């Protein structure tokens, strides 16, 4: 199912070009300052991602996984190297351009869901559409359709407190995907779930990737994801290396 979102606002110049290679990173590095000390969170990262891939990044806590996702999503800027996502140069882009880029290109999924507790599932999913300027009725229709895609058509009016952890993560995935991003970045999406719920979320993300063609890049400790990865990387002490897959 493809969602048609008719924009009533000026199209951002950072929407990108729809290239088949949507991520190109060369010599990517990120250094943080800790007093007088330099902390190398990412060293000379190389990555090329084609549209529709399902990529998994594993590694220990503090190894640089979240840093890499933040760079790819335009949340943070690299200290060195080149980075293009969907045709947008994330190194030279202005802060305003990065805001537009994130809005138009990236869906984020986090370990702890980041849902608004006072809103029901449908309201949480429609918020990004309303923020984009879409009308209320159209937003509700698209949000409802996306919740159906993740298997929650019957739970739309439940608040996060009335949903299980796995259901809350499904809402978060629906919210990330409702704007049809070119890539979904998921940071430990199964980290707060029991094993059965984790397997269910893995299956859901893989299904959405295959049916809708959305690119997923998942940073995780969950090695079960390596079994379904199209490509896999290991990130340890800031060093990104390819791993063999099945």
Protein backbone atom coordinates (compact mmCIF):
# COMPACT_ATOMS: atom_id res chain seq x y z
CA UNK A 1 0.00 0.00 0.00
CA UNK A 2 1.34 3.41 -0.93
CA UNK A 3 0.22 6.51 0.92
CA UNK A 4 -0.36 9.69 -1.09
CA UNK A 5 0.29 12.76 1.03
CA UNK A 6 -0.70 15.94 -0.79
CA UNK A 7 1.53 18.73 0.48
CA UNK A 8 -0.02 22.15 0.97
CA UNK A 9 3.24 23.78 2.05
CA UNK A 10 6.30 24.80 0.06
CA UNK A 11 8.40 21.77 -0.82
CA UNK A 12 11.69 21.85 1.07
CA UNK A 13 14.81 22.04 -1.06
CA UNK A 14 16.31 19.22 1.00
CA UNK A 15 13.72 16.61 0.01
CA UNK A 16 16.36 14.78 -2.02
CA UNK A 17 16.44 13.22 -5.45
CA UNK A 18 15.02 9.73 -4.96
CA UNK A 19 18.30 8.10 -5.96
CA UNK A 20 18.59 4.31 -5.83
CA UNK A 21 21.67 4.78 -3.60
CA UNK A 22 20.16 6.71 -0.74
CA UNK A 23 23.10 6.81 1.69
CA UNK A 24 26.74 7.40 0.84
CA UNK A 25 29.22 7.88 3.68
CA UNK A 26 32.97 8.19 3.15
CA UNK A 27 35.60 8.71 5.82
CA UNK A 28 32.86 9.56 8.31
CA UNK A 29 34.15 10.58 11.73
CA UNK A 30 32.73 12.07 14.91
CA UNK A 31 34.82 13.43 17.78
CA UNK A 32 33.36 14.67 21.05
CA UNK A 33 35.18 16.89 23.54
CA UNK A 34 35.31 15.76 27.17
CA UNK A 35 37.23 18.52 28.90
CA UNK A 36 40.64 18.47 27.25
CA UNK A 37 40.13 14.93 26.04
CA UNK A 38 38.93 13.96 22.56
CA UNK A 39 36.54 11.00 22.37
CA UNK A 40 36.42 9.29 18.98
CA UNK A 41 32.82 8.06 18.67
CA UNK A 42 33.21 7.13 15.00
CA UNK A 43 36.36 6.57 12.97
CA UNK A 44 36.54 6.65 9.16
CA UNK A 45 33.09 5.14 8.63
CA UNK A 46 32.31 3.85 5.12
CA UNK A 47 28.75 2.95 4.12
CA UNK A 48 26.73 2.77 0.93
CA UNK A 49 23.02 1.93 1.22
CA UNK A 50 20.62 1.25 -1.62
CA UNK A 51 16.91 1.88 -1.51
CA UNK A 52 14.96 -0.95 0.13
CA UNK A 53 17.82 -2.54 2.08
CA UNK A 54 17.45 -4.04 5.56
CA UNK A 55 20.69 -3.29 7.39
CA UNK A 56 21.61 -4.28 10.94
CA UNK A 57 24.40 -2.75 13.03
CA UNK A 58 25.52 -4.61 16.15
CA UNK A 59 28.05 -3.78 18.81
CA UNK A 60 28.47 -3.05 22.52
CA UNK A 61 27.03 -0.06 24.35
CA UNK A 62 29.25 2.96 23.83
CA UNK A 63 30.62 1.54 20.59
CA UNK A 64 29.16 4.31 18.43
CA UNK A 65 25.88 2.85 17.12
CA UNK A 66 23.65 5.70 18.29
CA UNK A 67 26.19 8.25 17.08
CA UNK A 68 26.12 6.75 13.60
CA UNK A 69 22.30 6.80 13.49
CA UNK A 70 22.27 10.43 14.66
CA UNK A 71 24.64 11.35 11.84
CA UNK A 72 22.62 9.47 9.22
CA UNK A 73 19.42 11.10 10.46
CA UNK A 74 20.74 14.65 10.48
CA UNK A 75 20.42 14.97 14.26
CA UNK A 76 24.16 15.51 14.64
CA UNK A 77 26.92 16.61 12.28
CA UNK A 78 30.09 14.66 11.46
CA UNK A 79 33.43 16.09 12.47
CA UNK A 80 34.99 14.85 9.25
CA UNK A 81 34.20 12.98 6.07
CA UNK A 82 31.37 13.04 3.52
CA UNK A 83 27.73 12.12 4.04
CA UNK A 84 24.89 12.25 1.53
CA UNK A 85 21.41 10.90 2.30
CA UNK A 86 18.83 10.87 -0.50
CA UNK A 87 20.94 13.35 -2.42
CA UNK A 88 21.28 15.81 0.48
CA UNK A 89 24.75 16.85 1.69
CA UNK A 90 24.42 16.58 5.47
CA UNK A 91 27.87 18.03 6.11
CA UNK A 92 27.26 21.42 4.51
CA UNK A 93 23.49 21.74 5.10
CA UNK A 94 22.31 24.63 7.30
CA UNK A 95 20.44 23.97 10.54
CA UNK A 96 17.16 24.96 8.86
CA UNK A 97 17.90 22.62 5.95
CA UNK A 98 18.63 19.76 8.36
CA UNK A 99 15.27 20.33 10.04
CA UNK A 100 13.54 20.04 6.67
CA UNK A 101 15.65 17.02 5.79
CA UNK A 102 14.66 15.13 8.94
CA UNK A 103 10.99 15.98 8.44
CA UNK A 104 10.89 14.89 4.82
CA UNK A 105 13.28 11.94 4.72
CA UNK A 106 13.76 10.17 8.05
CA UNK A 107 11.61 8.05 10.35
CA UNK A 108 12.99 7.44 13.84
CA UNK A 109 12.19 4.49 16.13
CA UNK A 110 13.59 4.43 19.66
CA UNK A 111 13.97 1.85 22.40
CA UNK A 112 11.48 3.51 24.76
CA UNK A 113 8.86 4.42 22.12
CA UNK A 114 8.69 8.19 22.92
CA UNK A 115 4.89 8.26 22.65
CA UNK A 116 2.83 11.03 24.24
CA UNK A 117 1.07 9.31 27.17
CA UNK A 118 -2.06 11.50 27.10
CA UNK A 119 -2.81 10.77 23.42
CA UNK A 120 -4.23 7.58 21.98
CA UNK A 121 -2.47 5.52 19.33
CA UNK A 122 -4.13 7.25 16.39
CA UNK A 123 -3.37 10.73 17.76
CA UNK A 124 0.29 9.79 18.29
CA UNK A 125 0.58 8.60 14.68
CA UNK A 126 -1.22 11.58 13.15
CA UNK A 127 0.84 14.23 14.96
CA UNK A 128 3.64 14.29 12.34
CA UNK A 129 1.06 14.69 9.57
CA UNK A 130 -0.61 17.60 11.33
CA UNK A 131 2.79 19.19 11.97
CA UNK A 132 3.43 18.98 8.23
CA UNK A 133 0.26 20.93 7.56
CA UNK A 134 -2.02 18.13 6.43
CA UNK A 135 -5.70 18.60 7.19
CA UNK A 136 -7.26 16.83 10.18
CA UNK A 137 -9.48 14.44 8.23
CA UNK A 138 -6.73 13.38 5.80
CA UNK A 139 -4.33 12.91 8.71
CA UNK A 140 -6.77 10.64 10.51
CA UNK A 141 -7.32 8.52 7.41
CA UNK A 142 -3.60 8.10 6.80
CA UNK A 143 -2.85 7.45 10.47
CA UNK A 144 -5.60 4.83 10.66
CA UNK A 145 -4.32 3.12 7.50
CA UNK A 146 -0.78 3.01 8.91
CA UNK A 147 -1.96 1.52 12.21
CA UNK A 148 -3.74 -1.16 10.20
CA UNK A 149 -0.43 -1.87 8.42
CA UNK A 150 1.22 -2.60 11.78
CA UNK A 151 -1.66 -4.75 13.05
CA UNK A 152 -3.28 -2.26 15.43
CA UNK A 153 -6.52 -1.33 13.67
CA UNK A 154 -8.40 -2.51 16.77
CA UNK A 155 -6.27 -0.51 19.25
CA UNK A 156 -6.36 2.97 17.72
CA UNK A 157 -8.18 4.61 20.62
CA UNK A 158 -6.01 3.12 23.35
CA UNK A 159 -3.44 5.30 25.11
CA UNK A 160 0.15 4.05 25.59
CA UNK A 161 -0.65 3.05 29.18
CA UNK A 162 -3.31 0.68 27.87
CA UNK A 163 -0.96 -0.98 25.39
CA UNK A 164 1.74 -3.61 25.88
CA UNK A 165 5.37 -2.78 25.16
CA UNK A 166 5.20 -4.54 21.82
CA UNK A 167 2.03 -2.65 20.88
CA UNK A 168 3.59 0.67 21.86
CA UNK A 169 6.56 -0.10 19.61
CA UNK A 170 4.15 -0.87 16.76
CA UNK A 171 2.59 2.56 17.26
CA UNK A 172 6.06 4.12 17.22
CA UNK A 173 6.88 2.31 13.97
CA UNK A 174 3.59 3.49 12.45
CA UNK A 175 4.41 7.06 13.48
CA UNK A 176 7.87 6.77 11.92
CA UNK A 177 6.49 5.47 8.63
CA UNK A 178 3.35 7.54 8.15
CA UNK A 179 5.23 10.30 6.30
CA UNK A 180 6.77 7.78 3.87
CA UNK A 181 10.41 8.40 4.82
CA UNK A 182 13.20 7.22 2.54
CA UNK A 183 14.81 5.47 5.51
CA UNK A 184 13.75 4.34 8.99
CA UNK A 185 16.48 4.50 11.63
CA UNK A 186 15.75 2.24 14.60
CA UNK A 187 17.88 2.50 17.76
CA UNK A 188 17.50 -0.66 19.90
CA UNK A 189 13.85 -1.16 18.86
CA UNK A 190 13.60 -4.48 20.73
CA UNK A 191 15.74 -3.51 23.73
CA UNK A 192 12.83 -2.99 26.13
CA UNK A 193 10.77 -6.00 25.03
CA UNK A 194 10.47 -9.61 26.12
CA UNK A 195 11.69 -12.23 23.68
CA UNK A 196 8.28 -12.98 22.13
CA UNK A 197 7.48 -9.30 21.58
CA UNK A 198 10.97 -8.73 20.19
CA UNK A 199 10.49 -11.50 17.63
CA UNK A 200 7.15 -9.99 16.66
CA UNK A 201 8.68 -6.53 16.13
CA UNK A 202 11.52 -8.00 14.06
CA UNK A 203 8.98 -9.79 11.87
CA UNK A 204 6.96 -6.59 11.49
CA UNK A 205 9.92 -4.47 10.43
CA UNK A 206 11.03 -7.12 7.94
CA UNK A 207 7.49 -7.36 6.54
CA UNK A 208 7.21 -3.58 6.12
CA UNK A 209 10.61 -3.49 4.46
CA UNK A 210 9.62 -6.19 1.97
CA UNK A 211 6.07 -5.03 1.24
CA UNK A 212 6.54 -1.27 1.20
CA UNK A 213 10.18 -1.07 0.12
CA UNK A 214 11.19 1.19 3.01
CA UNK A 215 14.88 1.08 3.91
CA UNK A 216 15.59 0.06 7.52
CA UNK A 217 18.85 0.63 9.39
CA UNK A 218 18.72 -0.95 12.85
CA UNK A 219 21.25 -0.53 15.65
CA UNK A 220 20.85 -3.33 18.18
CA UNK A 221 22.25 -5.75 20.73
CA UNK A 222 19.74 -8.34 19.51
CA UNK A 223 21.75 -10.83 17.47
CA UNK A 224 18.55 -12.46 16.17
CA UNK A 225 18.35 -9.56 13.73
CA UNK A 226 21.51 -10.79 12.04
CA UNK A 227 19.53 -13.81 10.81
CA UNK A 228 17.28 -11.59 8.67
CA UNK A 229 19.67 -8.79 7.75
CA UNK A 230 20.36 -8.12 4.10
CA UNK A 231 23.69 -6.68 5.22
CA UNK A 232 25.24 -6.34 8.64
CA UNK A 233 27.93 -4.25 10.30
CA UNK A 234 29.73 -4.37 13.61
CA UNK A 235 30.57 -1.11 15.36
CA UNK A 236 33.10 -1.38 18.17
CA UNK A 237 35.14 1.52 19.60
CA UNK A 238 34.03 3.70 16.72
CA UNK A 239 35.17 1.30 14.01
CA UNK A 240 32.59 0.13 11.48
CA UNK A 241 33.24 -3.25 9.84
CA UNK A 242 31.10 -5.40 7.57
CA UNK A 243 29.90 -8.74 8.92
CA UNK A 244 29.03 -11.85 6.92
CA UNK A 245 25.30 -12.61 6.68
CA UNK A 246 23.46 -15.85 6.00
